[in-house]
Amino acid sequence: MSHAQQQSHHGMDTVVLTDLADGLIADLANHPAGRVARTILTGSVMRAAVIALREGASMREHGSPAAATLYVIRGQVTVRAGEREWTLSAGELIPIPPQRHGLEAHADSAVLLTVALR
């Protein structure tokens, strides 16, 4: 991470999510699958990652963790779970539904995924 993306604050590293999101979105051209991710926190009980998706790219339906949230940093995405869907724009957060779900980007987008590991 560059200095603009990570700073020390009271002895802990802080991440400037908008800077990291912009950097990952800019890097999408180097990723043929149309997505790239950076883990920003890994612990024994929680993980957090920023995921960038090119416009039109998606993450196929997959299982749901015990608890998780999705926060849109940049762009617009749709979360689909069964017959339900939620379209989210920058600044919006949703708890991940407890059933299988997928994600589609309607613009070059970056999201923060937080997952409880137990």
N, C-alpha and C. Protein backbone atom coordinates (compact mmCIF):
# COMPACT_ATOMS: atom_id res chain seq x y z
N MET A 1 0.83 -1.18 0.00
CA MET A 1 0.00 0.00 0.00
C MET A 1 0.87 1.24 0.00
N SER A 2 0.43 2.23 -0.71
CA SER A 2 1.19 3.47 -0.72
C SER A 2 0.91 4.24 0.56
N HIS A 3 1.71 5.27 0.79
CA HIS A 3 1.52 6.08 1.99
C HIS A 3 0.14 6.73 1.99
N ALA A 4 -0.37 7.07 0.81
CA ALA A 4 -1.70 7.70 0.73
C ALA A 4 -2.80 6.71 1.14
N GLN A 5 -2.53 5.42 1.00
CA GLN A 5 -3.55 4.43 1.30
C GLN A 5 -3.45 3.89 2.73
N GLN A 6 -2.31 4.00 3.36
CA GLN A 6 -2.14 3.45 4.70
C GLN A 6 -1.33 4.43 5.53
N GLN A 7 -1.85 4.75 6.71
CA GLN A 7 -1.17 5.67 7.60
C GLN A 7 -1.21 5.08 9.00
N SER A 8 -0.32 5.53 9.85
CA SER A 8 -0.32 5.08 11.23
C SER A 8 -1.10 6.09 12.06
N HIS A 9 -1.98 5.57 12.91
CA HIS A 9 -2.83 6.42 13.75
C HIS A 9 -2.86 5.79 15.13
N HIS A 10 -2.26 6.43 16.09
CA HIS A 10 -2.18 5.90 17.46
C HIS A 10 -1.62 4.48 17.47
N GLY A 11 -0.59 4.24 16.66
CA GLY A 11 0.07 2.94 16.66
C GLY A 11 -0.63 1.88 15.83
N MET A 12 -1.77 2.21 15.24
CA MET A 12 -2.50 1.25 14.41
C MET A 12 -2.51 1.77 12.97
N ASP A 13 -2.46 0.85 12.02
CA ASP A 13 -2.53 1.25 10.62
C ASP A 13 -3.98 1.59 10.27
N THR A 14 -4.16 2.70 9.58
CA THR A 14 -5.48 3.05 9.07
C THR A 14 -5.43 2.96 7.55
N VAL A 15 -6.57 2.69 6.96
CA VAL A 15 -6.66 2.56 5.52
C VAL A 15 -7.63 3.63 5.02
N VAL A 16 -7.21 4.39 4.03
CA VAL A 16 -8.09 5.37 3.39
C VAL A 16 -8.82 4.61 2.29
N LEU A 17 -10.07 4.22 2.58
CA LEU A 17 -10.81 3.34 1.68
C LEU A 17 -10.99 3.93 0.29
N THR A 18 -11.25 5.22 0.19
CA THR A 18 -11.46 5.82 -1.13
C THR A 18 -10.18 5.76 -1.97
N ASP A 19 -9.02 5.99 -1.34
CA ASP A 19 -7.75 5.91 -2.07
C ASP A 19 -7.47 4.48 -2.53
N LEU A 20 -7.70 3.51 -1.63
CA LEU A 20 -7.47 2.12 -1.98
C LEU A 20 -8.44 1.71 -3.10
N ALA A 21 -9.70 2.10 -2.98
CA ALA A 21 -10.70 1.77 -4.01
C ALA A 21 -10.29 2.34 -5.36
N ASP A 22 -9.88 3.60 -5.38
CA ASP A 22 -9.48 4.24 -6.64
C ASP A 22 -8.28 3.51 -7.26
N GLY A 23 -7.32 3.11 -6.43
CA GLY A 23 -6.15 2.39 -6.93
C GLY A 23 -6.52 1.04 -7.50
N LEU A 24 -7.42 0.31 -6.83
CA LEU A 24 -7.84 -1.01 -7.33
C LEU A 24 -8.65 -0.86 -8.61
N ILE A 25 -9.54 0.13 -8.66
CA ILE A 25 -10.31 0.35 -9.89
C ILE A 25 -9.37 0.68 -11.05
N ALA A 26 -8.37 1.50 -10.80
CA ALA A 26 -7.40 1.84 -11.86
C ALA A 26 -6.63 0.61 -12.32
N ASP A 27 -6.45 -0.37 -11.42
CA ASP A 27 -5.69 -1.58 -11.72
C ASP A 27 -6.53 -2.64 -12.44
N LEU A 28 -7.85 -2.43 -12.57
CA LEU A 28 -8.71 -3.43 -13.20
C LEU A 28 -8.28 -3.78 -14.62
N ALA A 29 -7.68 -2.84 -15.33
CA ALA A 29 -7.24 -3.09 -16.71
C ALA A 29 -6.24 -4.24 -16.76
N ASN A 30 -5.54 -4.50 -15.66
CA ASN A 30 -4.54 -5.58 -15.61
C ASN A 30 -5.14 -6.92 -15.20
N HIS A 31 -6.46 -6.99 -15.03
CA HIS A 31 -7.11 -8.21 -14.54
C HIS A 31 -8.22 -8.62 -15.50
N PRO A 32 -7.93 -9.60 -16.38
CA PRO A 32 -8.89 -10.01 -17.41
C PRO A 32 -10.25 -10.45 -16.85
N ALA A 33 -10.29 -10.97 -15.64
CA ALA A 33 -11.57 -11.41 -15.06
C ALA A 33 -12.46 -10.23 -14.66
N GLY A 34 -11.87 -9.03 -14.64
CA GLY A 34 -12.67 -7.85 -14.31
C GLY A 34 -12.85 -7.62 -12.83
N ARG A 35 -12.00 -8.26 -12.02
CA ARG A 35 -12.08 -7.99 -10.59
C ARG A 35 -10.71 -8.20 -9.94
N VAL A 36 -10.51 -7.48 -8.84
CA VAL A 36 -9.28 -7.57 -8.08
C VAL A 36 -9.64 -7.26 -6.62
N ALA A 37 -8.94 -7.91 -5.69
CA ALA A 37 -9.26 -7.70 -4.27
C ALA A 37 -7.99 -7.50 -3.47
N ARG A 38 -8.12 -6.79 -2.36
CA ARG A 38 -7.01 -6.60 -1.43
C ARG A 38 -7.56 -6.81 -0.02
N THR A 39 -7.00 -7.77 0.69
CA THR A 39 -7.38 -8.00 2.08
C THR A 39 -6.74 -6.90 2.92
N ILE A 40 -7.54 -6.24 3.75
CA ILE A 40 -7.00 -5.15 4.57
C ILE A 40 -6.98 -5.52 6.05
N LEU A 41 -7.67 -6.59 6.42
CA LEU A 41 -7.67 -7.04 7.82
C LEU A 41 -7.91 -8.53 7.85
N THR A 42 -7.03 -9.25 8.53
CA THR A 42 -7.25 -10.67 8.77
C THR A 42 -6.99 -10.91 10.24
N GLY A 43 -7.97 -11.47 10.90
CA GLY A 43 -7.83 -11.77 12.31
C GLY A 43 -8.45 -13.11 12.60
N SER A 44 -8.53 -13.45 13.89
CA SER A 44 -9.10 -14.75 14.24
C SER A 44 -10.62 -14.75 14.18
N VAL A 45 -11.24 -13.58 14.26
CA VAL A 45 -12.71 -13.53 14.26
C VAL A 45 -13.30 -12.73 13.11
N MET A 46 -12.47 -11.99 12.37
CA MET A 46 -12.99 -11.12 11.32
C MET A 46 -12.00 -10.95 10.19
N ARG A 47 -12.54 -10.78 8.98
CA ARG A 47 -11.72 -10.47 7.81
C ARG A 47 -12.39 -9.32 7.07
N ALA A 48 -11.59 -8.45 6.47
CA ALA A 48 -12.13 -7.35 5.66
C ALA A 48 -11.30 -7.26 4.39
N ALA A 49 -12.00 -7.05 3.27
CA ALA A 49 -11.32 -6.93 1.98
C ALA A 49 -12.03 -5.89 1.14
N VAL A 50 -11.25 -5.20 0.32
CA VAL A 50 -11.80 -4.29 -0.67
C VAL A 50 -11.75 -5.03 -2.00
N ILE A 51 -12.89 -5.09 -2.68
CA ILE A 51 -13.01 -5.79 -3.96
C ILE A 51 -13.42 -4.76 -5.01
N ALA A 52 -12.66 -4.71 -6.11
CA ALA A 52 -13.01 -3.84 -7.23
C ALA A 52 -13.53 -4.71 -8.36
N LEU A 53 -14.61 -4.24 -9.00
CA LEU A 53 -15.22 -4.94 -10.12
C LEU A 53 -15.39 -3.98 -11.29
N ARG A 54 -15.02 -4.43 -12.48
CA ARG A 54 -15.23 -3.64 -13.69
C ARG A 54 -16.72 -3.61 -14.00
N GLU A 55 -17.19 -2.54 -14.62
CA GLU A 55 -18.59 -2.45 -15.03
C GLU A 55 -18.98 -3.70 -15.81
N GLY A 56 -20.08 -4.34 -15.41
CA GLY A 56 -20.55 -5.56 -16.07
C GLY A 56 -19.99 -6.84 -15.48
N ALA A 57 -18.95 -6.74 -14.67
CA ALA A 57 -18.37 -7.93 -14.04
C ALA A 57 -19.26 -8.39 -12.89
N SER A 58 -19.14 -9.67 -12.56
CA SER A 58 -19.95 -10.18 -11.46
C SER A 58 -19.18 -11.24 -10.67
N MET A 59 -19.69 -11.49 -9.50
CA MET A 59 -19.22 -12.61 -8.69
C MET A 59 -20.40 -13.59 -8.67
N ARG A 60 -20.17 -14.78 -9.18
CA ARG A 60 -21.24 -15.76 -9.27
C ARG A 60 -21.78 -16.10 -7.89
N GLU A 61 -22.95 -16.65 -7.89
CA GLU A 61 -23.60 -17.02 -6.64
C GLU A 61 -22.68 -17.90 -5.80
N HIS A 62 -22.63 -17.60 -4.52
CA HIS A 62 -21.77 -18.35 -3.60
C HIS A 62 -22.43 -18.36 -2.22
N GLY A 63 -21.92 -19.24 -1.34
CA GLY A 63 -22.48 -19.38 -0.01
C GLY A 63 -22.25 -18.15 0.85
N SER A 64 -23.06 -18.06 1.89
CA SER A 64 -22.98 -16.90 2.77
C SER A 64 -22.28 -17.27 4.07
N PRO A 65 -21.42 -16.38 4.57
CA PRO A 65 -20.80 -16.62 5.88
C PRO A 65 -21.82 -16.41 6.99
N ALA A 66 -21.43 -16.71 8.21
CA ALA A 66 -22.33 -16.55 9.35
C ALA A 66 -22.83 -15.12 9.47
N ALA A 67 -21.95 -14.16 9.28
CA ALA A 67 -22.32 -12.74 9.33
C ALA A 67 -21.35 -11.97 8.47
N ALA A 68 -21.89 -11.03 7.68
CA ALA A 68 -21.04 -10.23 6.81
C ALA A 68 -21.80 -8.97 6.39
N THR A 69 -21.03 -7.94 6.01
CA THR A 69 -21.62 -6.73 5.47
C THR A 69 -20.90 -6.36 4.18
N LEU A 70 -21.60 -5.61 3.34
CA LEU A 70 -21.04 -5.10 2.09
C LEU A 70 -21.30 -3.60 2.06
N TYR A 71 -20.21 -2.82 1.93
CA TYR A 71 -20.29 -1.36 1.88
C TYR A 71 -19.76 -0.92 0.53
N VAL A 72 -20.52 -0.12 -0.19
CA VAL A 72 -20.08 0.36 -1.51
C VAL A 72 -19.26 1.63 -1.33
N ILE A 73 -17.99 1.57 -1.74
CA ILE A 73 -17.09 2.71 -1.63
C ILE A 73 -17.22 3.58 -2.88
N ARG A 74 -17.23 2.96 -4.05
CA ARG A 74 -17.33 3.65 -5.33
C ARG A 74 -18.27 2.84 -6.22
N GLY A 75 -19.01 3.53 -7.10
CA GLY A 75 -19.80 2.85 -8.12
C GLY A 75 -21.18 2.44 -7.67
N GLN A 76 -21.70 1.40 -8.34
CA GLN A 76 -23.03 0.88 -8.06
C GLN A 76 -23.03 -0.62 -8.33
N VAL A 77 -23.60 -1.39 -7.40
CA VAL A 77 -23.64 -2.85 -7.52
C VAL A 77 -25.04 -3.35 -7.16
N THR A 78 -25.34 -4.56 -7.62
CA THR A 78 -26.57 -5.24 -7.21
C THR A 78 -26.19 -6.55 -6.54
N VAL A 79 -26.76 -6.77 -5.35
CA VAL A 79 -26.63 -8.03 -4.63
C VAL A 79 -27.92 -8.81 -4.93
N ARG A 80 -27.77 -10.07 -5.37
CA ARG A 80 -28.93 -10.92 -5.64
C ARG A 80 -28.86 -12.15 -4.75
N ALA A 81 -30.01 -12.46 -4.14
CA ALA A 81 -30.12 -13.66 -3.30
C ALA A 81 -31.51 -14.25 -3.56
N GLY A 82 -31.55 -15.38 -4.24
CA GLY A 82 -32.83 -15.98 -4.59
C GLY A 82 -33.62 -15.03 -5.48
N GLU A 83 -34.85 -14.75 -5.10
CA GLU A 83 -35.72 -13.86 -5.88
C GLU A 83 -35.53 -12.39 -5.51
N ARG A 84 -34.73 -12.10 -4.50
CA ARG A 84 -34.56 -10.72 -4.02
C ARG A 84 -33.29 -10.10 -4.58
N GLU A 85 -33.32 -8.77 -4.71
CA GLU A 85 -32.10 -8.05 -5.11
C GLU A 85 -32.11 -6.66 -4.50
N TRP A 86 -30.91 -6.16 -4.27
CA TRP A 86 -30.71 -4.84 -3.69
C TRP A 86 -29.67 -4.13 -4.54
N THR A 87 -30.01 -2.96 -5.07
CA THR A 87 -29.05 -2.16 -5.82
C THR A 87 -28.53 -1.06 -4.89
N LEU A 88 -27.22 -1.02 -4.75
CA LEU A 88 -26.56 -0.13 -3.80
C LEU A 88 -25.61 0.81 -4.53
N SER A 89 -25.54 2.03 -4.05
CA SER A 89 -24.62 3.04 -4.59
C SER A 89 -23.59 3.40 -3.53
N ALA A 90 -22.59 4.16 -3.94
CA ALA A 90 -21.52 4.58 -3.02
C ALA A 90 -22.12 5.15 -1.74
N GLY A 91 -21.58 4.71 -0.61
CA GLY A 91 -22.03 5.19 0.69
C GLY A 91 -23.07 4.29 1.34
N GLU A 92 -23.57 3.28 0.63
CA GLU A 92 -24.59 2.40 1.19
C GLU A 92 -24.00 1.08 1.68
N LEU A 93 -24.59 0.55 2.75
CA LEU A 93 -24.13 -0.69 3.37
C LEU A 93 -25.32 -1.61 3.53
N ILE A 94 -25.08 -2.92 3.36
CA ILE A 94 -26.13 -3.92 3.54
C ILE A 94 -25.53 -5.12 4.27
N PRO A 95 -26.31 -5.73 5.18
CA PRO A 95 -25.87 -7.02 5.70
C PRO A 95 -26.01 -8.05 4.57
N ILE A 96 -25.04 -8.91 4.42
CA ILE A 96 -25.11 -9.95 3.39
C ILE A 96 -26.25 -10.91 3.76
N PRO A 97 -27.13 -11.22 2.81
CA PRO A 97 -28.23 -12.13 3.12
C PRO A 97 -27.70 -13.51 3.52
N PRO A 98 -28.44 -14.23 4.37
CA PRO A 98 -27.95 -15.50 4.88
C PRO A 98 -28.00 -16.65 3.89
N GLN A 99 -28.51 -16.42 2.69
CA GLN A 99 -28.56 -17.49 1.68
C GLN A 99 -27.53 -17.22 0.58
N ARG A 100 -27.43 -18.18 -0.36
CA ARG A 100 -26.50 -18.01 -1.48
C ARG A 100 -26.82 -16.70 -2.19
N HIS A 101 -25.78 -16.03 -2.66
CA HIS A 101 -25.96 -14.70 -3.25
C HIS A 101 -24.86 -14.44 -4.27
N GLY A 102 -25.10 -13.44 -5.12
CA GLY A 102 -24.12 -13.02 -6.12
C GLY A 102 -24.07 -11.50 -6.14
N LEU A 103 -23.12 -10.97 -6.89
CA LEU A 103 -22.88 -9.53 -6.95
C LEU A 103 -22.57 -9.15 -8.38
N GLU A 104 -23.16 -8.04 -8.85
CA GLU A 104 -22.89 -7.54 -10.19
C GLU A 104 -22.62 -6.04 -10.12
N ALA A 105 -21.62 -5.59 -10.88
CA ALA A 105 -21.27 -4.17 -10.91
C ALA A 105 -21.93 -3.49 -12.11
N HIS A 106 -22.56 -2.33 -11.87
CA HIS A 106 -23.20 -1.56 -12.94
C HIS A 106 -22.32 -0.41 -13.41
N ALA A 107 -21.21 -0.21 -12.75
CA ALA A 107 -20.18 0.77 -13.10
C ALA A 107 -18.90 0.22 -12.52
N ASP A 108 -17.76 0.77 -12.91
CA ASP A 108 -16.53 0.37 -12.22
C ASP A 108 -16.76 0.67 -10.74
N SER A 109 -16.62 -0.34 -9.90
CA SER A 109 -17.04 -0.23 -8.51
C SER A 109 -16.02 -0.83 -7.56
N ALA A 110 -16.09 -0.40 -6.31
CA ALA A 110 -15.28 -1.00 -5.24
C ALA A 110 -16.15 -1.11 -4.01
N VAL A 111 -16.06 -2.26 -3.35
CA VAL A 111 -16.84 -2.52 -2.16
C VAL A 111 -15.93 -3.00 -1.04
N LEU A 112 -16.37 -2.75 0.19
CA LEU A 112 -15.69 -3.27 1.37
C LEU A 112 -16.53 -4.41 1.90
N LEU A 113 -15.95 -5.59 1.92
CA LEU A 113 -16.61 -6.79 2.46
C LEU A 113 -16.02 -7.09 3.82
N THR A 114 -16.87 -7.15 4.84
CA THR A 114 -16.42 -7.57 6.17
C THR A 114 -17.12 -8.88 6.49
N VAL A 115 -16.35 -9.85 7.02
CA VAL A 115 -16.87 -11.18 7.28
C VAL A 115 -16.49 -11.61 8.69
N ALA A 116 -17.50 -12.08 9.44
CA ALA A 116 -17.23 -12.71 10.74
C ALA A 116 -16.78 -14.13 10.48
N LEU A 117 -15.67 -14.53 11.08
CA LEU A 117 -15.12 -15.87 10.82
C LEU A 117 -15.68 -16.93 11.76
N ARG A 118 -16.28 -16.51 12.87
CA ARG A 118 -16.94 -17.48 13.75
C ARG A 118 -17.99 -16.82 14.59
